[in-house]
PDB file of N, CA and C in Angstrom:
ATOM      1  N   MET A   1       0.555  -0.910   0.349  1.00  0.00           N
ATOM      2  CA  MET A   1      -0.009   0.420   0.141  1.00  0.00           C
ATOM      3  C   MET A   1       1.339   1.096  -0.303  1.00  0.00           C
ATOM      4  N   LYS A   2       0.030   2.327  -0.417  1.00  0.00           N
ATOM      5  CA  LYS A   2       1.115   3.890  -0.383  1.00  0.00           C
ATOM      6  C   LYS A   2       0.180   5.014   0.081  1.00  0.00           C
ATOM      7  N   LYS A   3       1.050   6.184   0.727  1.00  0.00           N
ATOM      8  CA  LYS A   3       0.303   6.747   1.085  1.00  0.00           C
ATOM      9  C   LYS A   3       0.729   8.008  -0.441  1.00  0.00           C
ATOM     10  N   ILE A   4      -0.200   8.559  -0.877  1.00  0.00           N
ATOM     11  CA  ILE A   4      -0.464  10.174  -1.142  1.00  0.00           C
ATOM     12  C   ILE A   4      -1.091  11.110  -1.427  1.00  0.00           C
ATOM     13  N   GLU A   5       0.030  12.282  -0.599  1.00  0.00           N
ATOM     14  CA  GLU A   5      -0.564  13.338  -0.124  1.00  0.00           C
ATOM     15  C   GLU A   5      -0.134  14.056  -2.069  1.00  0.00           C
ATOM     16  N   ALA A   6      -1.319  14.948  -1.400  1.00  0.00           N
ATOM     17  CA  ALA A   6      -1.560  15.683  -2.748  1.00  0.00           C
ATOM     18  C   ALA A   6      -0.822  17.480  -2.180  1.00  0.00           C
ATOM     19  N   ILE A   7      -0.580  18.411  -2.884  1.00  0.00           N
ATOM     20  CA  ILE A   7      -0.567  19.539  -2.159  1.00  0.00           C
ATOM     21  C   ILE A   7      -0.804  20.292  -3.514  1.00  0.00           C
ATOM     22  N   ILE A   8      -2.149  21.123  -4.002  1.00  0.00           N
ATOM     23  CA  ILE A   8      -2.908  21.265  -4.891  1.00  0.00           C
ATOM     24  C   ILE A   8      -3.717  22.858  -4.358  1.00  0.00           C
ATOM     25  N   ARG A   9      -3.776  23.463  -6.023  1.00  0.00           N
ATOM     26  CA  ARG A   9      -4.267  24.104  -5.617  1.00  0.00           C
ATOM     27  C   ARG A   9      -5.684  24.954  -4.889  1.00  0.00           C
ATOM     28  N   PRO A  10      -6.784  25.290  -4.441  1.00  0.00           N
ATOM     29  CA  PRO A  10      -8.332  25.279  -3.873  1.00  0.00           C
ATOM     30  C   PRO A  10      -9.168  24.730  -4.996  1.00  0.00           C
ATOM     31  N   GLU A  11      -8.682  25.722  -6.459  1.00  0.00           N
ATOM     32  CA  GLU A  11     -10.096  26.125  -7.066  1.00  0.00           C
ATOM     33  C   GLU A  11      -9.619  24.499  -8.033  1.00  0.00           C
ATOM     34  N   LYS A  12      -8.847  23.344  -7.977  1.00  0.00           N
ATOM     35  CA  LYS A  12      -8.797  22.137  -8.262  1.00  0.00           C
ATOM     36  C   LYS A  12      -8.960  21.078  -7.568  1.00  0.00           C
ATOM     37  N   LEU A  13      -9.872  20.700  -6.491  1.00  0.00           N
ATOM     38  CA  LEU A  13     -10.640  20.256  -5.229  1.00  0.00           C
ATOM     39  C   LEU A  13     -11.646  20.000  -6.284  1.00  0.00           C
ATOM     40  N   GLU A  14     -12.601  20.691  -6.269  1.00  0.00           N
ATOM     41  CA  GLU A  14     -13.688  20.023  -7.132  1.00  0.00           C
ATOM     42  C   GLU A  14     -14.087  19.026  -8.750  1.00  0.00           C
ATOM     43  N   PRO A  15     -12.462  19.594  -8.719  1.00  0.00           N
ATOM     44  CA  PRO A  15     -12.519  18.530 -10.370  1.00  0.00           C
ATOM     45  C   PRO A  15     -11.698  17.034  -9.985  1.00  0.00           C
ATOM     46  N   LEU A  16     -10.476  17.422  -9.208  1.00  0.00           N
ATOM     47  CA  LEU A  16     -10.224  16.059  -8.857  1.00  0.00           C
ATOM     48  C   LEU A  16     -10.860  14.850  -8.120  1.00  0.00           C
ATOM     49  N   LYS A  17     -11.667  15.442  -7.128  1.00  0.00           N
ATOM     50  CA  LYS A  17     -13.180  14.652  -6.472  1.00  0.00           C
ATOM     51  C   LYS A  17     -13.885  13.980  -7.229  1.00  0.00           C
ATOM     52  N   ASP A  18     -14.131  14.717  -8.142  1.00  0.00           N
ATOM     53  CA  ASP A  18     -15.524  13.932  -9.424  1.00  0.00           C
ATOM     54  C   ASP A  18     -14.252  12.819  -9.953  1.00  0.00           C
ATOM     55  N   GLU A  19     -13.187  13.684 -10.518  1.00  0.00           N
ATOM     56  CA  GLU A  19     -12.251  12.544 -10.851  1.00  0.00           C
ATOM     57  C   GLU A  19     -12.074  11.226  -9.867  1.00  0.00           C
ATOM     58  N   LEU A  20     -11.483  11.254  -8.916  1.00  0.00           N
ATOM     59  CA  LEU A  20     -11.216   9.653  -8.024  1.00  0.00           C
ATOM     60  C   LEU A  20     -12.302   9.286  -7.670  1.00  0.00           C
ATOM     61  N   LEU A  21     -13.265   9.917  -7.825  1.00  0.00           N
ATOM     62  CA  LEU A  21     -14.671   9.284  -7.487  1.00  0.00           C
ATOM     63  C   LEU A  21     -15.289   8.708  -8.543  1.00  0.00           C
ATOM     64  N   LYS A  22     -14.929   9.105  -9.907  1.00  0.00           N
ATOM     65  CA  LYS A  22     -15.012   8.048 -11.280  1.00  0.00           C
ATOM     66  C   LYS A  22     -14.310   6.652 -11.448  1.00  0.00           C
ATOM     67  N   MET A  23     -13.001   6.939 -10.652  1.00  0.00           N
ATOM     68  CA  MET A  23     -11.894   6.537 -10.907  1.00  0.00           C
ATOM     69  C   MET A  23     -12.480   5.004  -9.119  1.00  0.00           C
ATOM     70  N   LYS A  24     -13.416   5.099  -8.303  1.00  0.00           N
ATOM     71  CA  LYS A  24     -13.520   4.365  -7.192  1.00  0.00           C
ATOM     72  C   LYS A  24     -12.976   4.857  -6.119  1.00  0.00           C
ATOM     73  N   ILE A  25     -12.001   5.902  -6.187  1.00  0.00           N
ATOM     74  CA  ILE A  25     -11.615   5.871  -5.215  1.00  0.00           C
ATOM     75  C   ILE A  25     -12.620   6.510  -4.323  1.00  0.00           C
ATOM     76  N   ASN A  26     -12.592   6.555  -2.924  1.00  0.00           N
ATOM     77  CA  ASN A  26     -13.532   6.884  -1.788  1.00  0.00           C
ATOM     78  C   ASN A  26     -12.687   7.113  -0.981  1.00  0.00           C
ATOM     79  N   GLY A  27     -11.827   6.848  -0.640  1.00  0.00           N
ATOM     80  CA  GLY A  27     -10.956   7.269   0.812  1.00  0.00           C
ATOM     81  C   GLY A  27     -10.177   8.143   0.659  1.00  0.00           C
ATOM     82  N   ILE A  28     -10.855   9.700   0.769  1.00  0.00           N
ATOM     83  CA  ILE A  28     -10.185  10.746   0.677  1.00  0.00           C
ATOM     84  C   ILE A  28     -10.201  11.859   1.928  1.00  0.00           C
ATOM     85  N   THR A  29      -8.584  12.207   2.340  1.00  0.00           N
ATOM     86  CA  THR A  29      -9.084  13.005   3.082  1.00  0.00           C
ATOM     87  C   THR A  29      -8.781  14.509   2.766  1.00  0.00           C
ATOM     88  N   ILE A  30      -9.052  15.242   3.528  1.00  0.00           N
ATOM     89  CA  ILE A  30      -9.211  16.679   2.796  1.00  0.00           C
ATOM     90  C   ILE A  30      -8.318  17.536   4.042  1.00  0.00           C
ATOM     91  N   ASN A  31      -7.417  19.088   3.980  1.00  0.00           N
ATOM     92  CA  ASN A  31      -7.268  19.334   4.619  1.00  0.00           C
ATOM     93  C   ASN A  31      -6.763  20.585   3.626  1.00  0.00           C
ATOM     94  N   GLN A  32      -7.331  21.768   4.442  1.00  0.00           N
ATOM     95  CA  GLN A  32      -7.349  23.444   3.967  1.00  0.00           C
ATOM     96  C   GLN A  32      -5.335  23.487   5.112  1.00  0.00           C
ATOM     97  N   VAL A  33      -4.858  23.548   4.097  1.00  0.00           N
ATOM     98  CA  VAL A  33      -3.380  23.764   4.727  1.00  0.00           C
ATOM     99  C   VAL A  33      -2.894  25.383   3.737  1.00  0.00           C
ATOM    100  N   PHE A  34      -1.769  26.222   4.757  1.00  0.00           N
ATOM    101  CA  PHE A  34      -1.328  26.952   4.265  1.00  0.00           C
ATOM    102  C   PHE A  34       0.117  26.699   3.396  1.00  0.00           C
ATOM    103  N   GLY A  35       0.973  27.456   2.895  1.00  0.00           N
ATOM    104  CA  GLY A  35       2.024  27.494   2.563  1.00  0.00           C
ATOM    105  C   GLY A  35       2.798  28.140   1.434  1.00  0.00           C
ATOM    106  N   CYS A  36       3.895  28.306   1.487  1.00  0.00           N
ATOM    107  CA  CYS A  36       4.800  28.525   0.501  1.00  0.00           C
ATOM    108  C   CYS A  36       6.111  28.018  -0.492  1.00  0.00           C
ATOM    109  N   GLY A  37       6.798  27.805  -1.346  1.00  0.00           N
ATOM    110  CA  GLY A  37       7.102  27.245  -2.236  1.00  0.00           C
ATOM    111  C   GLY A  37       8.129  28.942  -2.909  1.00  0.00           C
ATOM    112  N   LYS A  38       8.326  28.283  -4.535  1.00  0.00           N
ATOM    113  CA  LYS A  38       8.663  28.662  -5.159  1.00  0.00           C
ATOM    114  C   LYS A  38       8.284  30.067  -5.628  1.00  0.00           C
ATOM    115  N   GLN A  39       6.269  29.544  -5.951  1.00  0.00           N
ATOM    116  CA  GLN A  39       5.411  31.479  -5.678  1.00  0.00           C
ATOM    117  C   GLN A  39       5.379  32.370  -4.811  1.00  0.00           C
ATOM    118  N   TYR A  40       6.042  32.412  -3.808  1.00  0.00           N
ATOM    119  CA  TYR A  40       6.685  33.464  -2.794  1.00  0.00           C
ATOM    120  C   TYR A  40       5.226  33.999  -2.339  1.00  0.00           C
ATOM    121  N   GLY A  41       4.009  33.476  -2.607  1.00  0.00           N
ATOM    122  CA  GLY A  41       3.104  34.553  -1.976  1.00  0.00           C
ATOM    123  C   GLY A  41       2.723  35.629  -3.632  1.00  0.00           C
ATOM    124  N   PHE A  42       2.047  36.459  -2.239  1.00  0.00           N
ATOM    125  CA  PHE A  42       1.914  38.152  -2.968  1.00  0.00           C
ATOM    126  C   PHE A  42       2.163  39.102  -2.183  1.00  0.00           C
ATOM    127  N   THR A  43       1.850  40.710  -3.065  1.00  0.00           N
ATOM    128  CA  THR A  43       2.225  41.428  -2.000  1.00  0.00           C
ATOM    129  C   THR A  43       0.853  42.629  -2.082  1.00  0.00           C
ATOM    130  N   GLU A  44       0.796  42.600  -1.278  1.00  0.00           N
ATOM    131  CA  GLU A  44      -0.925  43.591  -1.837  1.00  0.00           C
ATOM    132  C   GLU A  44      -0.680  45.060  -0.503  1.00  0.00           C
ATOM    133  N   TYR A  45      -1.580  46.075  -1.029  1.00  0.00           N
ATOM    134  CA  TYR A  45      -1.552  47.419  -0.709  1.00  0.00           C
ATOM    135  C   TYR A  45      -2.712  47.687   0.361  1.00  0.00           C
ATOM    136  N   ILE A  46      -2.458  47.882   1.540  1.00  0.00           N
ATOM    137  CA  ILE A  46      -3.280  48.559   2.449  1.00  0.00           C
ATOM    138  C   ILE A  46      -3.077  49.428   3.632  1.00  0.00           C
ATOM    139  N   ARG A  47      -4.201  50.282   3.063  1.00  0.00           N
ATOM    140  CA  ARG A  47      -4.315  51.660   3.721  1.00  0.00           C
ATOM    141  C   ARG A  47      -2.705  51.958   3.722  1.00  0.00           C
ATOM    142  N   GLY A  48      -1.825  52.108   2.833  1.00  0.00           N
ATOM    143  CA  GLY A  48      -0.707  52.748   2.272  1.00  0.00           C
ATOM    144  C   GLY A  48       0.448  52.043   2.734  1.00  0.00           C
ATOM    145  N   ASN A  49       0.411  50.926   3.137  1.00  0.00           N
ATOM    146  CA  ASN A  49       1.336  49.919   3.686  1.00  0.00           C
ATOM    147  C   ASN A  49       0.998  48.834   2.877  1.00  0.00           C
ATOM    148  N   THR A  50       2.934  48.031   2.484  1.00  0.00           N
ATOM    149  CA  THR A  50       3.515  47.029   1.768  1.00  0.00           C
ATOM    150  C   THR A  50       2.805  46.120   2.615  1.00  0.00           C
ATOM    151  N   ILE A  51       2.517  44.803   2.432  1.00  0.00           N
ATOM    152  CA  ILE A  51       1.835  44.055   2.881  1.00  0.00           C
ATOM    153  C   ILE A  51       2.301  42.492   2.026  1.00  0.00           C
ATOM    154  N   ILE A  52       3.567  41.749   1.832  1.00  0.00           N
ATOM    155  CA  ILE A  52       4.226  40.760   1.967  1.00  0.00           C
ATOM    156  C   ILE A  52       3.266  39.205   2.323  1.00  0.00           C
ATOM    157  N   MET A  53       2.571  38.898   1.629  1.00  0.00           N
ATOM    158  CA  MET A  53       1.761  37.389   2.614  1.00  0.00           C
ATOM    159  C   MET A  53       2.836  36.447   1.487  1.00  0.00           C
ATOM    160  N   ASN A  54       3.012  35.602   2.105  1.00  0.00           N
ATOM    161  CA  ASN A  54       3.619  34.792   1.771  1.00  0.00           C
ATOM    162  C   ASN A  54       3.746  33.150   2.080  1.00  0.00           C
ATOM    163  N   THR A  55       2.354  33.357   2.687  1.00  0.00           N
ATOM    164  CA  THR A  55       1.979  31.280   2.267  1.00  0.00           C
ATOM    165  C   THR A  55       0.629  31.655   1.915  1.00  0.00           C
ATOM    166  N   LEU A  56       0.745  31.017   1.605  1.00  0.00           N
ATOM    167  CA  LEU A  56      -1.157  31.018   0.461  1.00  0.00           C
ATOM    168  C   LEU A  56      -1.376  29.767   0.754  1.00  0.00           C
ATOM    169  N   SER A  57      -3.149  29.898  -0.086  1.00  0.00           N
ATOM    170  CA  SER A  57      -3.934  28.570   1.031  1.00  0.00           C
ATOM    171  C   SER A  57      -3.594  27.821   0.007  1.00  0.00           C
ATOM    172  N   LYS A  58      -3.783  26.117   0.216  1.00  0.00           N
ATOM    173  CA  LYS A  58      -3.498  25.879  -0.831  1.00  0.00           C
ATOM    174  C   LYS A  58      -4.826  24.038   0.013  1.00  0.00           C
ATOM    175  N   ILE A  59      -4.545  23.268  -0.732  1.00  0.00           N
ATOM    176  CA  ILE A  59      -5.466  21.981   0.058  1.00  0.00           C
ATOM    177  C   ILE A  59      -4.529  20.799   0.140  1.00  0.00           C
ATOM    178  N   GLU A  60      -5.186  20.467   0.816  1.00  0.00           N
ATOM    179  CA  GLU A  60      -4.027  18.566   1.076  1.00  0.00           C
ATOM    180  C   GLU A  60      -4.446  17.448   0.964  1.00  0.00           C
ATOM    181  N   ILE A  61      -4.736  17.080  -0.019  1.00  0.00           N
ATOM    182  CA  ILE A  61      -5.090  15.381  -0.120  1.00  0.00           C
ATOM    183  C   ILE A  61      -4.575  14.105  -0.022  1.00  0.00           C
ATOM    184  N   LYS A  62      -5.177  13.233   1.087  1.00  0.00           N
ATOM    185  CA  LYS A  62      -4.662  11.951   1.580  1.00  0.00           C
ATOM    186  C   LYS A  62      -5.123  10.368   1.269  1.00  0.00           C
ATOM    187  N   ILE A  63      -4.532  10.549   0.589  1.00  0.00           N
ATOM    188  CA  ILE A  63      -5.252   8.999  -0.102  1.00  0.00           C
ATOM    189  C   ILE A  63      -4.329   7.275   0.242  1.00  0.00           C
ATOM    190  N   ILE A  64      -4.818   6.302   0.712  1.00  0.00           N
ATOM    191  CA  ILE A  64      -4.515   5.399   0.956  1.00  0.00           C
ATOM    192  C   ILE A  64      -4.672   4.248  -0.552  1.00  0.00           C
ATOM    193  N   VAL A  65      -3.566   4.008  -1.215  1.00  0.00           N
ATOM    194  CA  VAL A  65      -4.355   3.202  -1.901  1.00  0.00           C
ATOM    195  C   VAL A  65      -3.364   2.267  -2.637  1.00  0.00           C
ATOM    196  N   PRO A  66      -3.774   0.688  -3.324  1.00  0.00           N
ATOM    197  CA  PRO A  66      -2.812  -0.641  -3.295  1.00  0.00           C
ATOM    198  C   PRO A  66      -1.735  -0.085  -4.536  1.00  0.00           C
ATOM    199  N   ASP A  67      -0.889  -0.647  -4.555  1.00  0.00           N
ATOM    200  CA  ASP A  67       0.602  -0.436  -4.940  1.00  0.00           C
ATOM    201  C   ASP A  67       0.163  -0.709  -6.816  1.00  0.00           C
ATOM    202  N   GLU A  68      -0.621  -2.018  -6.883  1.00  0.00           N
ATOM    203  CA  GLU A  68      -1.504  -1.297  -7.976  1.00  0.00           C
ATOM    204  C   GLU A  68      -1.644  -0.118  -8.774  1.00  0.00           C
ATOM    205  N   ARG A  69      -2.694   0.440  -8.029  1.00  0.00           N
ATOM    206  CA  ARG A  69      -3.134   1.615  -8.337  1.00  0.00           C
ATOM    207  C   ARG A  69      -2.149   2.898  -8.615  1.00  0.00           C
ATOM    208  N   LEU A  70      -0.468   2.566  -8.345  1.00  0.00           N
ATOM    209  CA  LEU A  70      -0.314   4.672  -7.807  1.00  0.00           C
ATOM    210  C   LEU A  70      -0.510   5.163  -8.819  1.00  0.00           C
ATOM    211  N   ASP A  71       0.548   4.524  -9.916  1.00  0.00           N
ATOM    212  CA  ASP A  71       0.868   4.746 -11.085  1.00  0.00           C
ATOM    213  C   ASP A  71      -1.004   5.980 -11.757  1.00  0.00           C
ATOM    214  N   GLU A  72      -1.513   5.477 -11.664  1.00  0.00           N
ATOM    215  CA  GLU A  72      -2.906   5.748 -12.767  1.00  0.00           C
ATOM    216  C   GLU A  72      -3.582   6.962 -11.590  1.00  0.00           C
ATOM    217  N   ILE A  73      -3.273   6.726 -10.529  1.00  0.00           N
ATOM    218  CA  ILE A  73      -3.883   7.753  -9.317  1.00  0.00           C
ATOM    219  C   ILE A  73      -3.060   9.060  -9.064  1.00  0.00           C
ATOM    220  N   ILE A  74      -2.042   8.721  -9.120  1.00  0.00           N
ATOM    221  CA  ILE A  74      -0.977  10.143  -9.673  1.00  0.00           C
ATOM    222  C   ILE A  74      -1.344  10.781 -11.180  1.00  0.00           C
ATOM    223  N   ASP A  75      -1.348   9.773 -12.200  1.00  0.00           N
ATOM    224  CA  ASP A  75      -1.398  10.813 -13.726  1.00  0.00           C
ATOM    225  C   ASP A  75      -2.827  11.822 -13.387  1.00  0.00           C
ATOM    226  N   THR A  76      -3.783  11.047 -13.068  1.00  0.00           N
ATOM    227  CA  THR A  76      -4.670  11.411 -12.610  1.00  0.00           C
ATOM    228  C   THR A  76      -4.718  12.877 -11.933  1.00  0.00           C
ATOM    229  N   ILE A  77      -3.853  12.811 -10.707  1.00  0.00           N
ATOM    230  CA  ILE A  77      -3.551  14.331 -10.527  1.00  0.00           C
ATOM    231  C   ILE A  77      -3.210  14.764 -10.449  1.00  0.00           C
ATOM    232  N   ILE A  78      -2.382  14.461 -11.325  1.00  0.00           N
ATOM    233  CA  ILE A  78      -1.127  15.482 -12.836  1.00  0.00           C
ATOM    234  C   ILE A  78      -2.023  16.627 -13.913  1.00  0.00           C
ATOM    235  N   SER A  79      -2.799  15.031 -14.383  1.00  0.00           N
ATOM    236  CA  SER A  79      -3.503  15.626 -15.332  1.00  0.00           C
ATOM    237  C   SER A  79      -4.879  16.435 -14.902  1.00  0.00           C
ATOM    238  N   VAL A  80      -5.214  17.080 -13.775  1.00  0.00           N
ATOM    239  CA  VAL A  80      -6.334  17.161 -13.250  1.00  0.00           C
ATOM    240  C   VAL A  80      -5.893  18.969 -12.646  1.00  0.00           C
ATOM    241  N   SER A  81      -4.769  18.998 -11.532  1.00  0.00           N
ATOM    242  CA  SER A  81      -4.341  19.289 -11.266  1.00  0.00           C
ATOM    243  C   SER A  81      -3.357  21.011 -11.945  1.00  0.00           C
ATOM    244  N   GLU A  82      -2.753  20.447 -12.955  1.00  0.00           N
ATOM    245  CA  GLU A  82      -1.217  20.747 -14.177  1.00  0.00           C
ATOM    246  C   GLU A  82      -2.287  22.429 -14.466  1.00  0.00           C
ATOM    247  N   THR A  83      -1.264  23.345 -14.353  1.00  0.00           N
ATOM    248  CA  THR A  83      -1.719  24.985 -15.016  1.00  0.00           C
ATOM    249  C   THR A  83      -0.209  25.307 -15.876  1.00  0.00           C
ATOM    250  N   GLY A  84       0.500  24.496 -15.330  1.00  0.00           N
ATOM    251  CA  GLY A  84       1.689  25.228 -15.962  1.00  0.00           C
ATOM    252  C   GLY A  84       2.735  26.010 -15.182  1.00  0.00           C
ATOM    253  N   GLU A  85       2.228  26.918 -14.367  1.00  0.00           N
ATOM    254  CA  GLU A  85       2.176  28.632 -13.358  1.00  0.00           C
ATOM    255  C   GLU A  85       2.895  27.346 -11.992  1.00  0.00           C
ATOM    256  N   PHE A  86       3.674  27.961 -11.616  1.00  0.00           N
ATOM    257  CA  PHE A  86       4.372  28.339 -10.048  1.00  0.00           C
ATOM    258  C   PHE A  86       2.926  27.703  -9.479  1.00  0.00           C
ATOM    259  N   GLY A  87       3.242  26.981  -8.210  1.00  0.00           N
ATOM    260  CA  GLY A  87       2.645  26.929  -7.336  1.00  0.00           C
ATOM    261  C   GLY A  87       0.733  25.948  -7.854  1.00  0.00           C
ATOM    262  N   ASP A  88       1.154  25.439  -9.214  1.00  0.00           N
ATOM    263  CA  ASP A  88       0.345  23.644  -8.932  1.00  0.00           C
ATOM    264  C   ASP A  88       0.444  22.985  -7.781  1.00  0.00           C
ATOM    265  N   GLY A  89       1.347  22.562  -7.287  1.00  0.00           N
ATOM    266  CA  GLY A  89       1.594  21.931  -5.452  1.00  0.00           C
ATOM    267  C   GLY A  89       2.905  20.757  -5.930  1.00  0.00           C
ATOM    268  N   LYS A  90       2.871  19.699  -5.529  1.00  0.00           N
ATOM    269  CA  LYS A  90       3.428  18.973  -5.044  1.00  0.00           C
ATOM    270  C   LYS A  90       2.644  17.437  -5.198  1.00  0.00           C
ATOM    271  N   ILE A  91       3.068  16.712  -5.599  1.00  0.00           N
ATOM    272  CA  ILE A  91       2.691  15.516  -4.318  1.00  0.00           C
ATOM    273  C   ILE A  91       4.132  14.436  -4.044  1.00  0.00           C
ATOM    274  N   PHE A  92       3.813  14.204  -2.766  1.00  0.00           N
ATOM    275  CA  PHE A  92       4.602  12.970  -2.061  1.00  0.00           C
ATOM    276  C   PHE A  92       3.982  11.660  -1.921  1.00  0.00           C
ATOM    277  N   VAL A  93       4.906  10.563  -1.512  1.00  0.00           N
ATOM    278  CA  VAL A  93       4.547   9.089  -2.183  1.00  0.00           C
ATOM    279  C   VAL A  93       4.952   8.408  -1.027  1.00  0.00           C
ATOM    280  N   SER A  94       4.996   8.011   0.408  1.00  0.00           N
ATOM    281  CA  SER A  94       5.290   7.128   1.441  1.00  0.00           C
ATOM    282  C   SER A  94       4.844   5.902   1.149  1.00  0.00           C
ATOM    283  N   ASP A  95       5.403   4.490   1.478  1.00  0.00           N
ATOM    284  CA  ASP A  95       4.759   3.152   2.124  1.00  0.00           C
ATOM    285  C   ASP A  95       4.030   3.507   2.739  1.00  0.00           C
ATOM    286  N   VAL A  96       3.097   2.344   3.148  1.00  0.00           N
ATOM    287  CA  VAL A  96       2.398   1.907   4.352  1.00  0.00           C
ATOM    288  C   VAL A  96       2.522   0.732   5.028  1.00  0.00           C
ATOM    289  N   LEU A  97       2.907   0.227   5.870  1.00  0.00           N
ATOM    290  CA  LEU A  97       2.588  -1.119   6.645  1.00  0.00           C
ATOM    291  C   LEU A  97       1.199  -2.018   6.820  1.00  0.00           C
ATOM    292  N   ASP A  98       0.506  -1.031   7.193  1.00  0.00           N
ATOM    293  CA  ASP A  98      -0.816  -1.718   7.602  1.00  0.00           C
ATOM    294  C   ASP A  98      -2.069  -0.700   7.329  1.00  0.00           C
ATOM    295  N   CYS A  99      -2.918  -1.317   7.326  1.00  0.00           N
ATOM    296  CA  CYS A  99      -4.586  -0.376   7.208  1.00  0.00           C
ATOM    297  C   CYS A  99      -5.313  -1.627   8.163  1.00  0.00           C
ATOM    298  N   ILE A 100      -5.606  -1.160   8.737  1.00  0.00           N
ATOM    299  CA  ILE A 100      -6.768  -1.743  10.070  1.00  0.00           C
ATOM    300  C   ILE A 100      -8.961  -0.544   9.951  1.00  0.00           C
ATOM    301  N   ARG A 101      -8.946  -1.225   9.694  1.00  0.00           N
ATOM    302  CA  ARG A 101     -10.702  -1.135   9.944  1.00  0.00           C
ATOM    303  C   ARG A 101     -11.126  -1.404  11.175  1.00  0.00           C
ATOM    304  N   ILE A 102     -11.328  -0.632  11.433  1.00  0.00           N
ATOM    305  CA  ILE A 102     -12.062  -0.541  13.484  1.00  0.00           C
ATOM    306  C   ILE A 102     -12.730  -1.481  13.316  1.00  0.00           C
ATOM    307  N   ARG A 103     -14.402  -0.449  12.865  1.00  0.00           N
ATOM    308  CA  ARG A 103     -15.672  -1.135  12.734  1.00  0.00           C
ATOM    309  C   ARG A 103     -15.179  -3.174  12.202  1.00  0.00           C
ATOM    310  N   THR A 104     -14.303  -3.618  11.575  1.00  0.00           N
ATOM    311  CA  THR A 104     -14.204  -4.649  11.498  1.00  0.00           C
ATOM    312  C   THR A 104     -13.123  -5.915  11.960  1.00  0.00           C
ATOM    313  N   LYS A 105     -12.623  -4.507  12.212  1.00  0.00           N
ATOM    314  CA  LYS A 105     -10.707  -5.440  12.390  1.00  0.00           C
ATOM    315  C   LYS A 105     -10.031  -5.663  11.285  1.00  0.00           C
ATOM    316  N   GLU A 106     -10.389  -5.852   9.802  1.00  0.00           N
ATOM    317  CA  GLU A 106     -10.017  -6.171   8.607  1.00  0.00           C
ATOM    318  C   GLU A 106      -8.705  -5.178   8.235  1.00  0.00           C
ATOM    319  N   ARG A 107      -7.928  -6.469   7.869  1.00  0.00           N
ATOM    320  CA  ARG A 107      -6.562  -5.391   7.194  1.00  0.00           C
ATOM    321  C   ARG A 107      -5.855  -5.594   5.819  1.00  0.00           C
ATOM    322  N   GLY A 108      -5.096  -4.652   6.177  1.00  0.00           N
ATOM    323  CA  GLY A 108      -4.626  -4.718   4.360  1.00  0.00           C
ATOM    324  C   GLY A 108      -5.221  -4.268   3.414  1.00  0.00           C
ATOM    325  N   ASN A 109      -5.479  -4.139   2.063  1.00  0.00           N
ATOM    326  CA  ASN A 109      -5.851  -4.111   0.874  1.00  0.00           C
ATOM    327  C   ASN A 109      -7.421  -3.570   1.292  1.00  0.00           C
ATOM    328  N   ASN A 110      -8.076  -4.714   2.080  1.00  0.00           N
ATOM    329  CA  ASN A 110      -9.585  -5.577   2.423  1.00  0.00           C
ATOM    330  C   ASN A 110      -9.805  -4.101   3.011  1.00  0.00           C
ATOM    331  N   ALA A 111      -8.711  -3.629   4.549  1.00  0.00           N
ATOM    332  CA  ALA A 111      -9.599  -2.318   5.050  1.00  0.00           C
ATOM    333  C   ALA A 111      -9.717  -1.268   4.210  1.00  0.00           C
ATOM    334  N   LEU A 112      -9.294  -0.663   2.985  1.00  0.00           N
ATOM    335  CA  LEU A 112      -8.951  -0.117   2.201  1.00  0.00           C
ATOM    336  C   LEU A 112     -10.720   0.401   1.365  1.00  0.00           C
TER     337      LEU A 112
END
């Protein structure tokens, strides 16, 4: 099993959710996060003062998937989220040792 953590633009959340649901991926955790990268934020002028906003709103999505579906899901995240501009986000992949469904005590891929 693999854990996919994707940081994407907020406006890409709904299209990505729609695509993942079409793929029968239904275990999705979504968090609103703030961060900065190469995009470096933006500058605003408030009451004559320059304010540098160096953290931007992003969406973090976590999905645990079987190994054999990893590439297909990553390709979908990229195709839906990519704009070609700074700030499109990142995808992190890590190993998951086990998954346990508390209600039924199922383990591994059966618990997904």
